[in-house]
N, C-alpha and C. Protein backbone atom coordinates (compact mmCIF):
# COMPACT_ATOMS: atom_id res chain seq x y z
N LEU A 1 19.44 -76.34 31.72
CA LEU A 1 20.34 -77.17 33.10
C LEU A 1 19.66 -75.91 34.32
N ILE A 2 18.57 -76.67 34.51
CA ILE A 2 18.05 -75.36 35.97
C ILE A 2 18.37 -76.38 37.05
N LEU A 3 19.07 -75.23 37.90
CA LEU A 3 19.52 -76.08 39.58
C LEU A 3 18.85 -75.85 40.57
N GLY A 4 18.69 -77.21 41.41
CA GLY A 4 17.69 -76.37 42.37
C GLY A 4 18.39 -75.70 43.59
N PHE A 5 19.56 -76.27 44.02
CA PHE A 5 20.29 -76.07 45.38
C PHE A 5 21.41 -75.67 44.60
N GLU A 6 22.44 -75.13 45.55
CA GLU A 6 23.61 -75.04 45.19
C GLU A 6 24.50 -75.58 47.03
N MET A 7 25.72 -76.75 46.63
CA MET A 7 26.40 -76.95 47.79
C MET A 7 27.62 -76.49 48.01
N SER A 8 28.58 -76.00 48.93
CA SER A 8 29.71 -75.49 48.74
C SER A 8 30.48 -76.66 48.67
N THR A 9 30.77 -78.30 49.82
CA THR A 9 31.77 -78.87 49.97
C THR A 9 31.34 -79.98 48.77
N ILE A 10 32.90 -80.55 48.59
CA ILE A 10 32.54 -81.24 47.66
C ILE A 10 31.91 -82.90 48.90
N ASP A 11 32.11 -82.91 49.96
CA ASP A 11 31.51 -83.84 50.92
C ASP A 11 30.36 -84.21 50.87
N ALA A 12 29.99 -83.50 50.56
CA ALA A 12 28.10 -82.73 50.78
C ALA A 12 28.03 -83.40 49.29
N ILE A 13 27.66 -82.70 48.69
CA ILE A 13 27.97 -82.83 47.64
C ILE A 13 27.79 -84.15 46.53
N LYS A 14 28.83 -85.21 46.89
CA LYS A 14 29.17 -86.96 47.52
C LYS A 14 28.09 -87.15 48.00
N SER A 15 27.86 -86.72 49.31
CA SER A 15 26.72 -87.52 49.98
C SER A 15 24.98 -87.28 49.35
N LEU A 16 24.70 -86.16 48.82
CA LEU A 16 23.70 -86.36 48.20
C LEU A 16 23.71 -86.82 47.57
N VAL A 17 24.95 -87.36 46.09
CA VAL A 17 24.39 -88.18 45.03
C VAL A 17 24.59 -89.53 45.55
N GLU A 18 25.23 -90.17 46.62
CA GLU A 18 25.28 -91.21 47.73
C GLU A 18 23.82 -91.56 47.83
N TYR A 19 22.88 -90.74 48.69
CA TYR A 19 21.35 -90.58 48.93
C TYR A 19 20.92 -90.50 47.60
N GLY A 20 21.03 -90.31 46.18
CA GLY A 20 20.42 -90.56 45.52
C GLY A 20 19.30 -89.38 45.36
N LEU A 21 20.01 -87.82 45.58
CA LEU A 21 19.08 -86.68 45.84
C LEU A 21 19.97 -85.66 44.46
N GLY A 22 20.68 -86.37 43.98
CA GLY A 22 20.97 -85.17 42.54
C GLY A 22 22.37 -86.04 42.00
N TRP A 23 22.70 -85.68 41.07
CA TRP A 23 24.16 -85.76 40.25
C TRP A 23 25.04 -84.63 40.33
N SER A 24 26.49 -85.10 39.85
CA SER A 24 27.07 -84.08 39.56
C SER A 24 28.27 -84.78 38.98
N TYR A 25 29.36 -83.70 38.65
CA TYR A 25 30.94 -83.81 38.06
C TYR A 25 32.05 -84.27 39.55
N LEU A 26 32.41 -85.28 39.60
CA LEU A 26 33.28 -85.33 40.59
C LEU A 26 34.51 -85.52 40.75
N PRO A 27 35.64 -85.92 40.97
CA PRO A 27 37.39 -86.20 40.59
C PRO A 27 37.07 -87.69 41.27
N ASP A 28 37.61 -88.41 40.47
CA ASP A 28 37.48 -89.87 40.50
C ASP A 28 37.95 -90.37 41.63
N SER A 29 39.26 -89.67 42.70
CA SER A 29 39.03 -89.97 44.42
C SER A 29 38.43 -90.18 44.84
N LEU A 30 37.22 -89.34 44.82
CA LEU A 30 35.66 -89.83 45.71
C LEU A 30 35.12 -90.82 45.49
N LEU A 31 35.14 -91.37 44.40
CA LEU A 31 34.30 -92.91 44.25
C LEU A 31 34.48 -93.43 44.72
N SER A 32 33.28 -94.30 45.25
CA SER A 32 33.06 -95.26 45.73
C SER A 32 32.02 -96.19 45.51
N GLU A 33 32.23 -97.59 46.76
CA GLU A 33 30.53 -98.32 46.18
C GLU A 33 29.18 -98.44 45.75
N LYS A 34 28.79 -97.13 46.31
CA LYS A 34 27.85 -96.19 45.90
C LYS A 34 27.64 -95.52 44.88
N LEU A 35 28.39 -95.89 43.97
CA LEU A 35 28.93 -94.60 43.24
C LEU A 35 29.36 -95.20 41.64
N LYS A 36 28.69 -95.04 40.08
CA LYS A 36 28.77 -95.24 39.38
C LYS A 36 28.66 -94.15 38.60
N ILE A 37 30.36 -94.53 37.86
CA ILE A 37 31.12 -93.76 36.27
C ILE A 37 29.73 -94.12 35.63
N LEU A 38 29.06 -92.65 34.49
CA LEU A 38 28.44 -92.38 33.76
C LEU A 38 29.26 -92.63 32.92
N LYS A 39 29.09 -93.35 31.53
CA LYS A 39 30.65 -92.43 30.78
C LYS A 39 29.02 -92.53 28.91
N ILE A 40 29.23 -91.86 27.95
CA ILE A 40 28.85 -90.69 27.55
C ILE A 40 29.68 -91.22 26.44
N LYS A 41 28.88 -92.09 25.25
CA LYS A 41 30.21 -92.31 23.89
C LYS A 41 29.82 -90.57 22.87
N ASP A 42 30.31 -90.28 22.55
CA ASP A 42 30.91 -88.71 21.75
C ASP A 42 30.28 -87.54 22.10
N LEU A 43 30.11 -87.35 23.49
CA LEU A 43 30.03 -86.81 24.53
C LEU A 43 31.14 -85.86 24.19
N GLU A 44 31.14 -84.51 23.77
CA GLU A 44 32.61 -83.16 24.06
C GLU A 44 32.08 -82.24 24.72
N LEU A 45 32.26 -81.83 26.34
CA LEU A 45 31.87 -80.82 27.56
C LEU A 45 32.65 -80.07 27.35
N THR A 46 32.69 -79.10 27.13
CA THR A 46 33.35 -77.78 27.94
C THR A 46 32.64 -77.32 29.31
N ILE A 47 33.32 -76.87 30.43
CA ILE A 47 33.32 -76.44 31.13
C ILE A 47 33.60 -75.09 31.55
N SER A 48 33.17 -74.02 31.50
CA SER A 48 34.07 -72.93 32.18
C SER A 48 34.00 -72.52 33.77
N PHE A 49 35.17 -72.24 33.48
CA PHE A 49 35.81 -71.88 34.83
C PHE A 49 37.12 -70.97 34.84
N HIS A 50 36.79 -70.48 35.55
CA HIS A 50 37.36 -68.62 36.50
C HIS A 50 38.16 -68.91 37.41
N ALA A 51 39.29 -68.54 38.04
CA ALA A 51 39.80 -68.00 38.98
C ALA A 51 40.48 -66.93 39.37
N PHE A 52 39.82 -66.21 40.63
CA PHE A 52 40.11 -65.24 41.09
C PHE A 52 40.52 -65.15 42.42
N TYR A 53 41.36 -63.59 41.85
CA TYR A 53 42.66 -63.83 43.00
C TYR A 53 42.50 -61.79 43.58
N LEU A 54 43.27 -60.79 44.02
CA LEU A 54 43.66 -60.03 44.19
C LEU A 54 44.39 -59.55 43.23
N LYS A 55 43.87 -58.20 42.73
CA LYS A 55 44.91 -57.96 42.03
C LYS A 55 46.33 -57.52 42.46
N LYS A 56 46.58 -57.18 43.39
CA LYS A 56 48.01 -56.70 44.22
C LYS A 56 48.44 -57.84 43.67
N ARG A 57 48.12 -58.90 43.71
CA ARG A 57 49.25 -60.44 43.46
C ARG A 57 49.38 -60.98 43.14
N ILE A 58 49.03 -60.26 41.71
CA ILE A 58 49.36 -60.76 40.48
C ILE A 58 50.27 -61.43 40.57
N SER A 59 51.54 -60.97 41.44
CA SER A 59 53.60 -60.88 41.21
C SER A 59 53.36 -62.42 41.96
N ASP A 60 52.53 -62.42 42.83
CA ASP A 60 53.23 -63.57 43.42
C ASP A 60 53.06 -65.04 43.07
N ARG A 61 54.31 -65.49 43.00
CA ARG A 61 54.37 -67.08 42.52
C ARG A 61 53.47 -67.87 42.13
N LEU A 62 52.74 -67.88 43.44
CA LEU A 62 52.23 -69.11 43.66
C LEU A 62 50.95 -68.93 43.18
N ILE A 63 50.14 -67.45 42.69
CA ILE A 63 49.17 -67.37 41.56
C ILE A 63 50.02 -66.95 40.71
N ASN A 64 50.91 -67.34 39.60
CA ASN A 64 51.60 -67.31 38.42
C ASN A 64 51.62 -68.77 37.95
N ASP A 65 51.94 -69.98 39.03
CA ASP A 65 51.94 -71.18 39.15
C ASP A 65 50.35 -71.43 38.82
N LEU A 66 49.77 -70.71 39.61
CA LEU A 66 48.22 -71.80 39.21
C LEU A 66 48.04 -71.26 37.82
N LEU A 67 48.48 -70.33 37.65
CA LEU A 67 47.69 -69.76 35.82
C LEU A 67 48.20 -70.71 35.03
N SER A 68 49.64 -70.68 35.51
CA SER A 68 50.40 -71.87 34.61
C SER A 68 49.90 -72.59 34.19
N ASN A 69 49.58 -73.16 35.10
CA ASN A 69 49.59 -74.87 35.21
C ASN A 69 47.68 -75.25 35.12
N PHE A 70 47.05 -73.88 35.20
CA PHE A 70 45.84 -74.36 34.64
C PHE A 70 45.89 -74.14 32.64
N LYS A 71 46.82 -73.62 32.91
CA LYS A 71 46.84 -73.10 30.35
C LYS A 71 47.41 -74.44 29.77
N LYS A 72 48.33 -75.42 30.96
CA LYS A 72 48.60 -76.59 30.38
C LYS A 72 48.06 -77.28 31.00
N TRP A 73 46.63 -77.70 30.72
CA TRP A 73 45.91 -77.82 31.66
C TRP A 73 44.34 -77.98 30.45
N GLN A 74 44.76 -76.65 30.08
CA GLN A 74 44.02 -76.35 29.20
C GLN A 74 43.90 -76.78 27.91
N ASN A 75 45.90 -77.00 27.41
CA ASN A 75 46.07 -77.26 27.20
C ASN A 75 46.14 -78.29 25.85
N ARG A 76 46.53 -79.34 27.17
CA ARG A 76 46.67 -81.06 26.34
C ARG A 76 46.11 -81.29 25.87
N ASP A 77 46.79 -82.55 25.40
CA ASP A 77 46.60 -83.68 24.03
C ASP A 77 47.28 -84.32 23.79
């Protein structure tokens, strides 16, 4: 995969896809009349995800809740 450029906001990404200037993985909530879901048979996709936070905030409840939710999501089946 060779990236041509990156966009930092999901709305900008959606607009580029709607104008035919690229493709992306987007949440269902952003589906519009201009966009179509591409269904691919027998495809197992793994996407690496990284969460960053300040080390001194490891004991913050919000950080722990976020990490816990990621673990639950990762192990869903």
